[in-house]
Amino acid sequence: MDTVLGYGWFRAIRHLLAQEELERRPRMHPVARQRLPRMIRKVAGRLADYVRPGFHPDQHDNRGLARTYLASINRLAG
């Protein structure tokens, strides 16, 4: 199942990028290219959690992200 889900995501991303006419996009900045492998590993780790049996999003503490966002739109209570 994980392989099927990953393949589906890959195909969908490829399809969307093709619609953006990649040939007209500027080349990736060298610093961004250098950081890409680390970012891919981080995202792959999160995806592995997502497809793990018994996973629930509450298993990741995202309250800090919520506080930051709410503060940025002046909706932080308290």
N, C-alpha and C. Protein backbone atom coordinates (compact mmCIF):
# COMPACT_ATOMS: atom_id res chain seq x y z
N MET A 1 0.82 -1.20 0.00
CA MET A 1 0.00 0.00 0.00
C MET A 1 0.86 1.26 0.00
N ASP A 2 1.95 1.26 0.78
CA ASP A 2 2.82 2.43 0.84
C ASP A 2 3.40 2.77 -0.52
N THR A 3 3.79 1.75 -1.25
CA THR A 3 4.37 1.96 -2.57
C THR A 3 3.34 2.54 -3.52
N VAL A 4 2.13 2.05 -3.46
CA VAL A 4 1.06 2.55 -4.32
C VAL A 4 0.76 4.02 -4.00
N LEU A 5 0.69 4.35 -2.71
CA LEU A 5 0.42 5.72 -2.31
C LEU A 5 1.55 6.65 -2.76
N GLY A 6 2.80 6.23 -2.53
CA GLY A 6 3.95 7.03 -2.96
C GLY A 6 3.97 7.24 -4.46
N TYR A 7 3.68 6.19 -5.20
CA TYR A 7 3.66 6.29 -6.66
C TYR A 7 2.56 7.25 -7.11
N GLY A 8 1.40 7.17 -6.47
CA GLY A 8 0.31 8.08 -6.82
C GLY A 8 0.68 9.53 -6.56
N TRP A 9 1.31 9.78 -5.43
CA TRP A 9 1.75 11.15 -5.12
C TRP A 9 2.78 11.63 -6.14
N PHE A 10 3.73 10.75 -6.46
CA PHE A 10 4.77 11.10 -7.43
C PHE A 10 4.14 11.47 -8.78
N ARG A 11 3.21 10.66 -9.24
CA ARG A 11 2.56 10.93 -10.52
C ARG A 11 1.77 12.24 -10.49
N ALA A 12 1.07 12.48 -9.38
CA ALA A 12 0.28 13.71 -9.27
C ALA A 12 1.18 14.94 -9.27
N ILE A 13 2.27 14.89 -8.54
CA ILE A 13 3.21 16.02 -8.50
C ILE A 13 3.81 16.24 -9.87
N ARG A 14 4.20 15.16 -10.52
CA ARG A 14 4.77 15.28 -11.86
C ARG A 14 3.78 15.90 -12.83
N HIS A 15 2.53 15.51 -12.73
CA HIS A 15 1.49 16.05 -13.60
C HIS A 15 1.30 17.56 -13.35
N LEU A 16 1.24 17.94 -12.08
CA LEU A 16 1.07 19.36 -11.76
C LEU A 16 2.26 20.19 -12.21
N LEU A 17 3.46 19.67 -12.01
CA LEU A 17 4.65 20.40 -12.44
C LEU A 17 4.70 20.54 -13.95
N ALA A 18 4.25 19.54 -14.67
CA ALA A 18 4.23 19.61 -16.13
C ALA A 18 3.29 20.72 -16.59
N GLN A 19 2.22 20.94 -15.86
CA GLN A 19 1.28 22.00 -16.20
C GLN A 19 1.90 23.38 -15.99
N GLU A 20 2.90 23.47 -15.13
CA GLU A 20 3.56 24.74 -14.84
C GLU A 20 4.63 25.09 -15.86
N GLU A 21 4.79 24.27 -16.88
CA GLU A 21 5.79 24.50 -17.93
C GLU A 21 7.17 24.69 -17.32
N LEU A 22 7.71 23.62 -16.82
CA LEU A 22 8.98 23.64 -16.11
C LEU A 22 10.13 24.23 -16.93
N GLU A 23 10.06 24.12 -18.25
CA GLU A 23 11.18 24.62 -19.05
C GLU A 23 11.34 26.13 -18.93
N ARG A 24 10.32 26.84 -18.51
CA ARG A 24 10.42 28.29 -18.36
C ARG A 24 10.77 28.70 -16.93
N ARG A 25 10.86 27.73 -16.05
CA ARG A 25 11.20 28.00 -14.66
C ARG A 25 12.69 28.30 -14.53
N PRO A 26 13.08 29.21 -13.64
CA PRO A 26 14.51 29.44 -13.43
C PRO A 26 15.15 28.23 -12.77
N ARG A 27 16.44 28.08 -12.95
CA ARG A 27 17.18 26.97 -12.36
C ARG A 27 17.19 27.09 -10.83
N MET A 28 17.31 25.96 -10.17
CA MET A 28 17.34 25.95 -8.70
C MET A 28 18.63 26.60 -8.20
N HIS A 29 18.50 27.45 -7.19
CA HIS A 29 19.65 28.09 -6.58
C HIS A 29 20.57 27.02 -5.99
N PRO A 30 21.89 27.20 -6.09
CA PRO A 30 22.81 26.17 -5.60
C PRO A 30 22.63 25.83 -4.11
N VAL A 31 22.31 26.82 -3.29
CA VAL A 31 22.10 26.55 -1.86
C VAL A 31 20.85 25.68 -1.68
N ALA A 32 19.80 25.98 -2.42
CA ALA A 32 18.58 25.18 -2.33
C ALA A 32 18.85 23.76 -2.82
N ARG A 33 19.63 23.62 -3.87
CA ARG A 33 19.97 22.29 -4.39
C ARG A 33 20.75 21.50 -3.34
N GLN A 34 21.61 22.18 -2.59
CA GLN A 34 22.41 21.54 -1.55
C GLN A 34 21.52 21.04 -0.41
N ARG A 35 20.47 21.79 -0.08
CA ARG A 35 19.58 21.44 1.03
C ARG A 35 18.51 20.42 0.65
N LEU A 36 18.34 20.17 -0.63
CA LEU A 36 17.28 19.30 -1.11
C LEU A 36 17.32 17.89 -0.52
N PRO A 37 18.46 17.21 -0.49
CA PRO A 37 18.46 15.84 0.07
C PRO A 37 17.97 15.80 1.52
N ARG A 38 18.36 16.77 2.33
CA ARG A 38 17.92 16.81 3.73
C ARG A 38 16.41 17.02 3.81
N MET A 39 15.89 17.89 2.96
CA MET A 39 14.45 18.16 2.96
C MET A 39 13.67 16.92 2.51
N ILE A 40 14.20 16.22 1.51
CA ILE A 40 13.53 15.01 1.03
C ILE A 40 13.49 13.96 2.14
N ARG A 41 14.60 13.79 2.87
CA ARG A 41 14.62 12.83 3.97
C ARG A 41 13.60 13.20 5.04
N LYS A 42 13.50 14.48 5.35
CA LYS A 42 12.55 14.93 6.38
C LYS A 42 11.11 14.65 5.94
N VAL A 43 10.79 14.99 4.70
CA VAL A 43 9.44 14.76 4.19
C VAL A 43 9.15 13.26 4.13
N ALA A 44 10.12 12.48 3.68
CA ALA A 44 9.93 11.03 3.59
C ALA A 44 9.67 10.44 4.97
N GLY A 45 10.33 10.95 5.99
CA GLY A 45 10.10 10.48 7.36
C GLY A 45 8.69 10.77 7.81
N ARG A 46 8.20 11.96 7.49
CA ARG A 46 6.82 12.31 7.86
C ARG A 46 5.81 11.45 7.09
N LEU A 47 6.10 11.20 5.81
CA LEU A 47 5.20 10.35 5.03
C LEU A 47 5.18 8.92 5.58
N ALA A 48 6.35 8.45 6.02
CA ALA A 48 6.41 7.11 6.61
C ALA A 48 5.52 7.03 7.84
N ASP A 49 5.53 8.09 8.67
CA ASP A 49 4.63 8.13 9.83
C ASP A 49 3.18 8.08 9.39
N TYR A 50 2.86 8.86 8.36
CA TYR A 50 1.47 8.98 7.89
C TYR A 50 0.88 7.65 7.47
N VAL A 51 1.68 6.82 6.82
CA VAL A 51 1.16 5.55 6.32
C VAL A 51 1.33 4.40 7.32
N ARG A 52 1.94 4.68 8.47
CA ARG A 52 2.13 3.65 9.49
C ARG A 52 0.78 3.24 10.07
N PRO A 53 0.55 1.94 10.23
CA PRO A 53 -0.72 1.50 10.83
C PRO A 53 -0.88 2.08 12.24
N GLY A 54 -2.06 2.57 12.52
CA GLY A 54 -2.35 3.13 13.84
C GLY A 54 -1.92 4.57 14.01
N PHE A 55 -1.39 5.19 12.96
CA PHE A 55 -0.95 6.58 13.08
C PHE A 55 -2.14 7.52 13.24
N HIS A 56 -1.96 8.52 14.08
CA HIS A 56 -2.92 9.61 14.21
C HIS A 56 -2.14 10.91 14.29
N PRO A 57 -2.58 11.98 13.62
CA PRO A 57 -1.85 13.25 13.63
C PRO A 57 -1.58 13.80 15.03
N ASP A 58 -2.39 13.44 16.01
CA ASP A 58 -2.16 13.91 17.37
C ASP A 58 -0.86 13.37 17.96
N GLN A 59 -0.25 12.39 17.31
CA GLN A 59 1.01 11.84 17.80
C GLN A 59 2.18 12.79 17.55
N HIS A 60 1.97 13.83 16.76
CA HIS A 60 2.97 14.88 16.53
C HIS A 60 2.48 16.16 17.20
N ASP A 61 3.29 16.70 18.09
CA ASP A 61 2.90 17.93 18.79
C ASP A 61 3.10 19.13 17.86
N ASN A 62 2.00 19.66 17.35
CA ASN A 62 2.05 20.81 16.43
C ASN A 62 1.52 22.09 17.06
N ARG A 63 1.41 22.10 18.38
CA ARG A 63 0.85 23.29 19.04
C ARG A 63 1.70 24.53 18.81
N GLY A 64 3.01 24.36 18.72
CA GLY A 64 3.88 25.50 18.44
C GLY A 64 3.58 26.13 17.09
N LEU A 65 3.34 25.29 16.10
CA LEU A 65 2.97 25.81 14.78
C LEU A 65 1.65 26.56 14.84
N ALA A 66 0.70 26.00 15.59
CA ALA A 66 -0.62 26.64 15.71
C ALA A 66 -0.48 28.00 16.40
N ARG A 67 0.31 28.05 17.48
CA ARG A 67 0.50 29.33 18.20
C ARG A 67 1.13 30.37 17.29
N THR A 68 2.15 29.98 16.55
CA THR A 68 2.82 30.91 15.65
C THR A 68 1.86 31.46 14.61
N TYR A 69 1.07 30.56 14.02
CA TYR A 69 0.11 31.00 13.01
C TYR A 69 -0.94 31.92 13.61
N LEU A 70 -1.51 31.52 14.74
CA LEU A 70 -2.56 32.34 15.36
C LEU A 70 -2.02 33.70 15.77
N ALA A 71 -0.80 33.75 16.25
CA ALA A 71 -0.19 35.04 16.61
C ALA A 71 0.00 35.90 15.36
N SER A 72 0.34 35.26 14.23
CA SER A 72 0.58 36.04 13.00
C SER A 72 -0.70 36.67 12.45
N ILE A 73 -1.85 36.12 12.81
CA ILE A 73 -3.11 36.71 12.34
C ILE A 73 -3.88 37.37 13.51
N ASN A 74 -3.15 37.63 14.59
CA ASN A 74 -3.71 38.30 15.78
C ASN A 74 -4.95 37.60 16.32
N ARG A 75 -4.92 36.29 16.39
CA ARG A 75 -6.04 35.51 16.91
C ARG A 75 -5.64 34.65 18.10
N LEU A 76 -4.46 34.92 18.64
CA LEU A 76 -3.97 34.13 19.77
C LEU A 76 -4.68 34.56 21.04
N ALA A 77 -5.39 33.64 21.67
CA ALA A 77 -6.13 33.94 22.90
C ALA A 77 -5.19 33.90 24.10
N GLY A 78 -5.49 34.74 25.06
CA GLY A 78 -4.79 34.68 26.33
C GLY A 78 -3.65 35.57 26.39
